[in-house]
Amino acid sequence: MDAEAQQTERDRSSRPSTTEETPVTGGREGRSLFALVSRATDWLPGGRISLTLLICLAFLLILNAFVVQPFQIPSGSMENGLRIGDRVLVNKLAYRFGAEPRRGDVVVFDGAGYFGDGDYIKRVVGVGGDHVVCCNKQGRIEVNGRSVDESTFLYPGDSPSTVPFKVVVPDGTLFVLGDHRSDSSDSRDHLGSPGGGMIPVSDVVGRADWIVWPHAHWSRLHRPGAYARVPAAGGAHG
């Protein structure tokens, strides 16, 4: 009996354990974070609700600063595409990773020192190196010797420009115009000002990609195909 009992005991002790200890990762950090959140909710009036609202606000501020930013259209200079009171979302990452503004893009830029204090929204007509002329025999704007048909976005009844001009856009800058030419103060009006009416690319806030308000105007802003056949600046005609 004793021998049998001893053998059984040895068998049990010789069996490998079926449970293995696994290192717990993040336990201390998790408890610290939980304690921090608990202290924050105790300190804040409103507790968890206030904390959640603060986190959401911080997220929106980061989003607004680095990713997208809403802007309200203050004037009719971009009609009919953008109307007074419309709100657009500006993509602030559009030109952050080596990409450059392209002809036809609608951009928001800081006009301080060039157009006046504040931010402006216009359409890019010429980029660095471009020769921009108005108007040719067809009554159109010409970029690098190519006539541009702006009828799809130009305000009905407006001509491309009542002021003739012939400019070469310096590298690193943009020549911009409003779609409602007769109601727009743009590069044409500042040709004799410091900077010659050109906007430094570094002052561009971003590209307007969406109309988000009012709901009836909700739409994506696409680059028009009118500039697709414009040759690169290297092939420009004088």
C-alpha atoms as a PDB file:
ATOM      1  CA  MET A   1       0.000   0.000   0.000  1.00  0.00           C
ATOM      2  CA  ASP A   2       2.780   2.354   0.989  1.00  0.00           C
ATOM      3  CA  ALA A   3       4.848   1.498  -2.072  1.00  0.00           C
ATOM      4  CA  GLU A   4       1.881   1.951  -4.338  1.00  0.00           C
ATOM      5  CA  ALA A   5       1.077   5.257  -2.772  1.00  0.00           C
ATOM      6  CA  GLN A   6       4.684   6.404  -3.112  1.00  0.00           C
ATOM      7  CA  GLN A   7       4.777   5.401  -6.783  1.00  0.00           C
ATOM      8  CA  THR A   8       1.594   7.361  -7.472  1.00  0.00           C
ATOM      9  CA  GLU A   9       3.031  10.379  -5.792  1.00  0.00           C
ATOM     10  CA  ARG A  10       6.207  10.138  -7.867  1.00  0.00           C
ATOM     11  CA  ASP A  11       4.157   9.870 -11.068  1.00  0.00           C
ATOM     12  CA  ARG A  12       2.289  13.008 -10.248  1.00  0.00           C
ATOM     13  CA  SER A  13       5.397  14.972  -9.459  1.00  0.00           C
ATOM     14  CA  SER A  14       7.183  13.801 -12.574  1.00  0.00           C
ATOM     15  CA  ARG A  15       4.477  15.056 -14.930  1.00  0.00           C
ATOM     16  CA  PRO A  16       5.344  18.313 -16.689  1.00  0.00           C
ATOM     17  CA  SER A  17       3.237  21.262 -15.664  1.00  0.00           C
ATOM     18  CA  THR A  18       0.426  22.024 -18.067  1.00  0.00           C
ATOM     19  CA  THR A  19       0.526  25.731 -17.293  1.00  0.00           C
ATOM     20  CA  GLU A  20       3.378  27.981 -18.315  1.00  0.00           C
ATOM     21  CA  GLU A  21       4.025  31.430 -17.014  1.00  0.00           C
ATOM     22  CA  THR A  22       3.961  34.080 -19.695  1.00  0.00           C
ATOM     23  CA  PRO A  23       5.529  37.500 -19.135  1.00  0.00           C
ATOM     24  CA  VAL A  24       2.853  40.162 -18.839  1.00  0.00           C
ATOM     25  CA  THR A  25       3.686  43.148 -21.044  1.00  0.00           C
ATOM     26  CA  GLY A  26       2.305  46.579 -20.407  1.00  0.00           C
ATOM     27  CA  GLY A  27       0.780  45.681 -17.085  1.00  0.00           C
ATOM     28  CA  ARG A  28       2.488  48.416 -15.123  1.00  0.00           C
ATOM     29  CA  GLU A  29       2.063  50.933 -17.943  1.00  0.00           C
ATOM     30  CA  GLY A  30      -1.594  49.993 -18.300  1.00  0.00           C
ATOM     31  CA  ARG A  31      -2.191  50.489 -14.605  1.00  0.00           C
ATOM     32  CA  SER A  32      -0.378  53.839 -14.708  1.00  0.00           C
ATOM     33  CA  LEU A  33      -2.470  55.001 -17.672  1.00  0.00           C
ATOM     34  CA  PHE A  34      -5.650  53.866 -15.948  1.00  0.00           C
ATOM     35  CA  ALA A  35      -4.624  55.734 -12.809  1.00  0.00           C
ATOM     36  CA  LEU A  36      -3.859  58.860 -14.859  1.00  0.00           C
ATOM     37  CA  VAL A  37      -7.253  58.716 -16.572  1.00  0.00           C
ATOM     38  CA  SER A  38      -8.960  58.166 -13.227  1.00  0.00           C
ATOM     39  CA  ARG A  39      -7.199  61.197 -11.737  1.00  0.00           C
ATOM     40  CA  ALA A  40      -8.083  63.305 -14.771  1.00  0.00           C
ATOM     41  CA  THR A  41     -11.762  62.351 -14.613  1.00  0.00           C
ATOM     42  CA  ASP A  42     -11.805  63.105 -10.873  1.00  0.00           C
ATOM     43  CA  TRP A  43     -10.193  66.499 -11.460  1.00  0.00           C
ATOM     44  CA  LEU A  44     -12.298  67.581 -14.437  1.00  0.00           C
ATOM     45  CA  PRO A  45     -15.821  68.900 -13.861  1.00  0.00           C
ATOM     46  CA  GLY A  46     -18.086  66.499 -15.698  1.00  0.00           C
ATOM     47  CA  GLY A  47     -15.651  63.595 -15.384  1.00  0.00           C
ATOM     48  CA  ARG A  48     -15.413  61.198 -18.326  1.00  0.00           C
ATOM     49  CA  ILE A  49     -17.680  63.275 -20.564  1.00  0.00           C
ATOM     50  CA  SER A  50     -15.443  66.338 -20.241  1.00  0.00           C
ATOM     51  CA  LEU A  51     -12.326  64.237 -20.815  1.00  0.00           C
ATOM     52  CA  THR A  52     -13.832  62.724 -23.964  1.00  0.00           C
ATOM     53  CA  LEU A  53     -14.742  66.176 -25.270  1.00  0.00           C
ATOM     54  CA  LEU A  54     -11.220  67.460 -24.614  1.00  0.00           C
ATOM     55  CA  ILE A  55      -9.681  64.510 -26.461  1.00  0.00           C
ATOM     56  CA  CYS A  56     -12.017  65.105 -29.413  1.00  0.00           C
ATOM     57  CA  LEU A  57     -11.144  68.805 -29.413  1.00  0.00           C
ATOM     58  CA  ALA A  58      -7.418  68.049 -29.386  1.00  0.00           C
ATOM     59  CA  PHE A  59      -7.895  65.629 -32.292  1.00  0.00           C
ATOM     60  CA  LEU A  60      -9.802  68.251 -34.289  1.00  0.00           C
ATOM     61  CA  LEU A  61      -7.124  70.872 -33.635  1.00  0.00           C
ATOM     62  CA  ILE A  62      -4.397  68.523 -34.858  1.00  0.00           C
ATOM     63  CA  LEU A  63      -6.508  67.619 -37.898  1.00  0.00           C
ATOM     64  CA  ASN A  64      -7.122  71.302 -38.626  1.00  0.00           C
ATOM     65  CA  ALA A  65      -3.449  72.209 -38.249  1.00  0.00           C
ATOM     66  CA  PHE A  66      -1.900  69.466 -40.349  1.00  0.00           C
ATOM     67  CA  VAL A  67      -4.451  67.605 -42.499  1.00  0.00           C
ATOM     68  CA  VAL A  68      -7.608  69.457 -43.574  1.00  0.00           C
ATOM     69  CA  GLN A  69      -8.980  72.885 -42.772  1.00  0.00           C
ATOM     70  CA  PRO A  70     -12.396  74.370 -43.505  1.00  0.00           C
ATOM     71  CA  PHE A  71     -12.642  77.795 -45.139  1.00  0.00           C
ATOM     72  CA  GLN A  72     -15.688  79.945 -45.854  1.00  0.00           C
ATOM     73  CA  ILE A  73     -15.963  81.692 -49.223  1.00  0.00           C
ATOM     74  CA  PRO A  74     -16.287  85.436 -48.489  1.00  0.00           C
ATOM     75  CA  SER A  75     -16.795  86.851 -52.003  1.00  0.00           C
ATOM     76  CA  GLY A  76     -18.053  86.056 -55.466  1.00  0.00           C
ATOM     77  CA  SER A  77     -14.599  85.951 -57.080  1.00  0.00           C
ATOM     78  CA  MET A  78     -14.803  82.184 -57.694  1.00  0.00           C
ATOM     79  CA  GLU A  79     -18.414  81.971 -58.893  1.00  0.00           C
ATOM     80  CA  ASN A  80     -20.152  79.997 -60.171  1.00  0.00           C
ATOM     81  CA  GLY A  81     -18.122  77.098 -58.847  1.00  0.00           C
ATOM     82  CA  LEU A  82     -17.776  78.562 -55.349  1.00  0.00           C
ATOM     83  CA  ARG A  83     -20.479  80.851 -54.050  1.00  0.00           C
ATOM     84  CA  ILE A  84     -20.532  83.321 -51.184  1.00  0.00           C
ATOM     85  CA  GLY A  85     -21.043  81.404 -47.936  1.00  0.00           C
ATOM     86  CA  ASP A  86     -19.892  78.044 -49.285  1.00  0.00           C
ATOM     87  CA  ARG A  87     -17.533  76.145 -47.008  1.00  0.00           C
ATOM     88  CA  VAL A  88     -14.702  74.188 -48.551  1.00  0.00           C
ATOM     89  CA  LEU A  89     -12.323  71.639 -47.104  1.00  0.00           C
ATOM     90  CA  VAL A  90      -8.706  72.421 -47.924  1.00  0.00           C
ATOM     91  CA  ASN A  91      -6.303  69.508 -48.208  1.00  0.00           C
ATOM     92  CA  LYS A  92      -3.167  70.678 -46.374  1.00  0.00           C
ATOM     93  CA  LEU A  93      -1.241  67.526 -47.297  1.00  0.00           C
ATOM     94  CA  ALA A  94      -1.698  67.981 -51.059  1.00  0.00           C
ATOM     95  CA  TYR A  95       1.674  69.696 -51.496  1.00  0.00           C
ATOM     96  CA  ARG A  96       3.556  68.467 -48.419  1.00  0.00           C
ATOM     97  CA  PHE A  97       5.439  65.482 -49.837  1.00  0.00           C
ATOM     98  CA  GLY A  98       7.124  66.824 -52.935  1.00  0.00           C
ATOM     99  CA  ALA A  99       3.984  67.471 -55.007  1.00  0.00           C
ATOM    100  CA  GLU A 100       3.557  70.942 -56.495  1.00  0.00           C
ATOM    101  CA  PRO A 101       0.423  72.928 -57.357  1.00  0.00           C
ATOM    102  CA  ARG A 102      -0.733  72.252 -60.899  1.00  0.00           C
ATOM    103  CA  ARG A 103      -2.511  74.431 -63.442  1.00  0.00           C
ATOM    104  CA  GLY A 104      -6.229  74.329 -62.763  1.00  0.00           C
ATOM    105  CA  ASP A 105      -5.951  73.608 -59.029  1.00  0.00           C
ATOM    106  CA  VAL A 106      -8.046  75.770 -56.723  1.00  0.00           C
ATOM    107  CA  VAL A 107      -5.744  76.809 -53.888  1.00  0.00           C
ATOM    108  CA  VAL A 108      -5.958  78.755 -50.651  1.00  0.00           C
ATOM    109  CA  PHE A 109      -2.922  80.917 -49.894  1.00  0.00           C
ATOM    110  CA  ASP A 110      -1.724  83.532 -47.449  1.00  0.00           C
ATOM    111  CA  GLY A 111      -1.883  86.833 -49.313  1.00  0.00           C
ATOM    112  CA  ALA A 112      -0.037  88.929 -46.729  1.00  0.00           C
ATOM    113  CA  GLY A 113       2.468  91.166 -48.509  1.00  0.00           C
ATOM    114  CA  TYR A 114       1.082  90.309 -51.948  1.00  0.00           C
ATOM    115  CA  PHE A 115      -2.717  90.584 -52.101  1.00  0.00           C
ATOM    116  CA  GLY A 116      -3.425  91.957 -48.622  1.00  0.00           C
ATOM    117  CA  ASP A 117      -3.907  90.563 -45.136  1.00  0.00           C
ATOM    118  CA  GLY A 118      -5.710  87.239 -44.862  1.00  0.00           C
ATOM    119  CA  ASP A 119      -6.179  84.076 -46.888  1.00  0.00           C
ATOM    120  CA  TYR A 120      -7.413  84.015 -50.487  1.00  0.00           C
ATOM    121  CA  ILE A 121      -8.773  81.347 -52.790  1.00  0.00           C
ATOM    122  CA  LYS A 122      -8.018  81.381 -56.533  1.00  0.00           C
ATOM    123  CA  ARG A 123      -7.330  79.082 -59.465  1.00  0.00           C
ATOM    124  CA  VAL A 124      -3.773  78.354 -60.569  1.00  0.00           C
ATOM    125  CA  VAL A 125      -3.307  79.446 -64.207  1.00  0.00           C
ATOM    126  CA  GLY A 126       0.477  79.470 -64.418  1.00  0.00           C
ATOM    127  CA  VAL A 127       3.262  77.687 -62.519  1.00  0.00           C
ATOM    128  CA  GLY A 128       7.004  78.379 -62.364  1.00  0.00           C
ATOM    129  CA  GLY A 129       8.519  78.992 -65.802  1.00  0.00           C
ATOM    130  CA  ASP A 130       5.176  79.368 -67.626  1.00  0.00           C
ATOM    131  CA  HIS A 131       4.531  82.101 -70.192  1.00  0.00           C
ATOM    132  CA  VAL A 132       0.967  83.374 -69.647  1.00  0.00           C
ATOM    133  CA  VAL A 133      -0.583  85.741 -72.180  1.00  0.00           C
ATOM    134  CA  CYS A 134      -4.014  87.307 -72.569  1.00  0.00           C
ATOM    135  CA  CYS A 135      -5.604  87.431 -74.852  1.00  0.00           C
ATOM    136  CA  ASN A 136      -4.860  85.657 -78.124  1.00  0.00           C
ATOM    137  CA  LYS A 137      -6.758  85.978 -81.404  1.00  0.00           C
ATOM    138  CA  GLN A 138      -9.425  83.613 -80.078  1.00  0.00           C
ATOM    139  CA  GLY A 139      -9.960  85.840 -77.065  1.00  0.00           C
ATOM    140  CA  ARG A 140      -8.497  83.193 -74.745  1.00  0.00           C
ATOM    141  CA  ILE A 141      -5.656  82.944 -72.285  1.00  0.00           C
ATOM    142  CA  GLU A 142      -2.563  81.288 -73.698  1.00  0.00           C
ATOM    143  CA  VAL A 143      -0.134  79.280 -71.558  1.00  0.00           C
ATOM    144  CA  ASN A 144       3.182  78.281 -73.107  1.00  0.00           C
ATOM    145  CA  GLY A 145       1.754  78.956 -76.541  1.00  0.00           C
ATOM    146  CA  ARG A 146      -1.337  76.768 -75.999  1.00  0.00           C
ATOM    147  CA  SER A 147      -4.809  78.318 -76.055  1.00  0.00           C
ATOM    148  CA  VAL A 148      -6.855  77.379 -72.972  1.00  0.00           C
ATOM    149  CA  ASP A 149     -10.618  76.940 -73.194  1.00  0.00           C
ATOM    150  CA  GLU A 150     -11.919  78.092 -69.791  1.00  0.00           C
ATOM    151  CA  SER A 151     -15.605  77.913 -70.688  1.00  0.00           C
ATOM    152  CA  THR A 152     -16.335  75.065 -68.247  1.00  0.00           C
ATOM    153  CA  PHE A 153     -15.477  77.161 -65.182  1.00  0.00           C
ATOM    154  CA  LEU A 154     -15.347  80.816 -66.278  1.00  0.00           C
ATOM    155  CA  TYR A 155     -18.279  82.876 -64.967  1.00  0.00           C
ATOM    156  CA  PRO A 156     -20.983  83.116 -67.664  1.00  0.00           C
ATOM    157  CA  GLY A 157     -20.629  86.312 -69.695  1.00  0.00           C
ATOM    158  CA  ASP A 158     -17.102  87.057 -68.447  1.00  0.00           C
ATOM    159  CA  SER A 159     -14.146  87.345 -70.781  1.00  0.00           C
ATOM    160  CA  PRO A 160     -10.840  85.723 -69.737  1.00  0.00           C
ATOM    161  CA  SER A 161      -9.590  89.217 -68.930  1.00  0.00           C
ATOM    162  CA  THR A 162     -10.413  92.793 -69.813  1.00  0.00           C
ATOM    163  CA  VAL A 163      -6.824  93.699 -68.909  1.00  0.00           C
ATOM    164  CA  PRO A 164      -4.174  92.451 -71.356  1.00  0.00           C
ATOM    165  CA  PHE A 165      -1.058  90.936 -69.829  1.00  0.00           C
ATOM    166  CA  LYS A 166       2.018  88.952 -70.759  1.00  0.00           C
ATOM    167  CA  VAL A 167       4.010  87.439 -67.912  1.00  0.00           C
ATOM    168  CA  VAL A 168       6.664  84.842 -67.206  1.00  0.00           C
ATOM    169  CA  VAL A 169       6.008  83.116 -63.896  1.00  0.00           C
ATOM    170  CA  PRO A 170       9.187  82.916 -61.766  1.00  0.00           C
ATOM    171  CA  ASP A 171      10.187  79.527 -60.405  1.00  0.00           C
ATOM    172  CA  GLY A 172       8.644  78.744 -57.049  1.00  0.00           C
ATOM    173  CA  THR A 173       5.635  81.003 -57.643  1.00  0.00           C
ATOM    174  CA  LEU A 174       2.112  80.842 -59.084  1.00  0.00           C
ATOM    175  CA  PHE A 175       0.008  83.078 -61.313  1.00  0.00           C
ATOM    176  CA  VAL A 176      -3.592  82.888 -60.039  1.00  0.00           C
ATOM    177  CA  LEU A 177      -6.961  84.149 -61.262  1.00  0.00           C
ATOM    178  CA  GLY A 178     -10.515  84.056 -59.986  1.00  0.00           C
ATOM    179  CA  ASP A 179     -13.158  82.283 -62.063  1.00  0.00           C
ATOM    180  CA  HIS A 180     -15.417  85.352 -61.889  1.00  0.00           C
ATOM    181  CA  ARG A 181     -12.887  87.576 -63.642  1.00  0.00           C
ATOM    182  CA  SER A 182     -14.971  90.750 -63.531  1.00  0.00           C
ATOM    183  CA  ASP A 183     -15.362  90.405 -59.743  1.00  0.00           C
ATOM    184  CA  SER A 184     -11.911  89.140 -58.792  1.00  0.00           C
ATOM    185  CA  SER A 185      -8.807  90.889 -57.504  1.00  0.00           C
ATOM    186  CA  ASP A 186      -6.032  88.511 -58.507  1.00  0.00           C
ATOM    187  CA  SER A 187      -2.569  88.343 -60.078  1.00  0.00           C
ATOM    188  CA  ARG A 188      -3.607  90.729 -62.871  1.00  0.00           C
ATOM    189  CA  ASP A 189      -4.270  93.516 -60.383  1.00  0.00           C
ATOM    190  CA  HIS A 190      -0.889  93.230 -58.675  1.00  0.00           C
ATOM    191  CA  LEU A 191       1.493  93.022 -61.617  1.00  0.00           C
ATOM    192  CA  GLY A 192       3.117  96.287 -60.545  1.00  0.00           C
ATOM    193  CA  SER A 193       3.164  95.437 -56.840  1.00  0.00           C
ATOM    194  CA  PRO A 194       5.992  93.753 -54.889  1.00  0.00           C
ATOM    195  CA  GLY A 195       6.210  90.207 -56.159  1.00  0.00           C
ATOM    196  CA  GLY A 196       4.529  91.139 -59.449  1.00  0.00           C
ATOM    197  CA  GLY A 197       1.253  89.495 -58.466  1.00  0.00           C
ATOM    198  CA  MET A 198       2.909  86.079 -58.150  1.00  0.00           C
ATOM    199  CA  ILE A 199       2.198  83.884 -55.129  1.00  0.00           C
ATOM    200  CA  PRO A 200       5.095  81.946 -53.557  1.00  0.00           C
ATOM    201  CA  VAL A 201       4.331  78.238 -53.430  1.00  0.00           C
ATOM    202  CA  SER A 202       5.540  78.319 -49.826  1.00  0.00           C
ATOM    203  CA  ASP A 203       2.557  80.544 -48.944  1.00  0.00           C
ATOM    204  CA  VAL A 204      -0.005  78.054 -50.259  1.00  0.00           C
ATOM    205  CA  VAL A 205      -2.092  76.628 -47.404  1.00  0.00           C
ATOM    206  CA  GLY A 206      -3.460  73.770 -49.478  1.00  0.00           C
ATOM    207  CA  ARG A 207      -5.758  72.641 -52.282  1.00  0.00           C
ATOM    208  CA  ALA A 208      -9.526  73.061 -52.023  1.00  0.00           C
ATOM    209  CA  ASP A 209     -10.909  69.576 -52.642  1.00  0.00           C
ATOM    210  CA  TRP A 210     -14.505  69.565 -51.367  1.00  0.00           C
ATOM    211  CA  ILE A 211     -17.489  71.848 -50.986  1.00  0.00           C
ATOM    212  CA  VAL A 212     -19.063  70.609 -47.748  1.00  0.00           C
ATOM    213  CA  TRP A 213     -21.671  73.272 -47.010  1.00  0.00           C
ATOM    214  CA  PRO A 214     -24.449  73.930 -47.779  1.00  0.00           C
ATOM    215  CA  HIS A 215     -25.587  70.391 -48.470  1.00  0.00           C
ATOM    216  CA  ALA A 216     -27.114  71.418 -51.789  1.00  0.00           C
ATOM    217  CA  HIS A 217     -23.632  72.361 -53.056  1.00  0.00           C
ATOM    218  CA  TRP A 218     -21.828  69.296 -51.676  1.00  0.00           C
ATOM    219  CA  SER A 219     -19.359  68.231 -54.367  1.00  0.00           C
ATOM    220  CA  ARG A 220     -15.760  67.322 -55.153  1.00  0.00           C
ATOM    221  CA  LEU A 221     -13.643  69.987 -56.835  1.00  0.00           C
ATOM    222  CA  HIS A 222     -11.911  68.474 -59.833  1.00  0.00           C
ATOM    223  CA  ARG A 223      -9.020  69.875 -61.828  1.00  0.00           C
ATOM    224  CA  PRO A 224     -10.487  70.909 -65.226  1.00  0.00           C
ATOM    225  CA  GLY A 225      -9.143  69.259 -68.334  1.00  0.00           C
ATOM    226  CA  ALA A 226      -8.585  72.626 -70.037  1.00  0.00           C
ATOM    227  CA  TYR A 227      -4.908  72.670 -69.011  1.00  0.00           C
ATOM    228  CA  ALA A 228      -4.135  69.053 -69.860  1.00  0.00           C
ATOM    229  CA  ARG A 229      -2.613  69.907 -73.244  1.00  0.00           C
ATOM    230  CA  VAL A 230      -0.511  72.817 -72.055  1.00  0.00           C
ATOM    231  CA  PRO A 231       3.131  71.956 -72.766  1.00  0.00           C
ATOM    232  CA  ALA A 232       5.839  72.157 -70.122  1.00  0.00           C
ATOM    233  CA  ALA A 233       7.468  75.545 -69.614  1.00  0.00           C
ATOM    234  CA  GLY A 234      10.600  74.446 -71.462  1.00  0.00           C
ATOM    235  CA  GLY A 235       8.647  74.365 -74.708  1.00  0.00           C
ATOM    236  CA  ALA A 236       7.111  77.803 -74.251  1.00  0.00           C
ATOM    237  CA  HIS A 237       6.923  80.311 -77.042  1.00  0.00           C
ATOM    238  CA  GLY A 238       8.024  83.879 -76.440  1.00  0.00           C
END
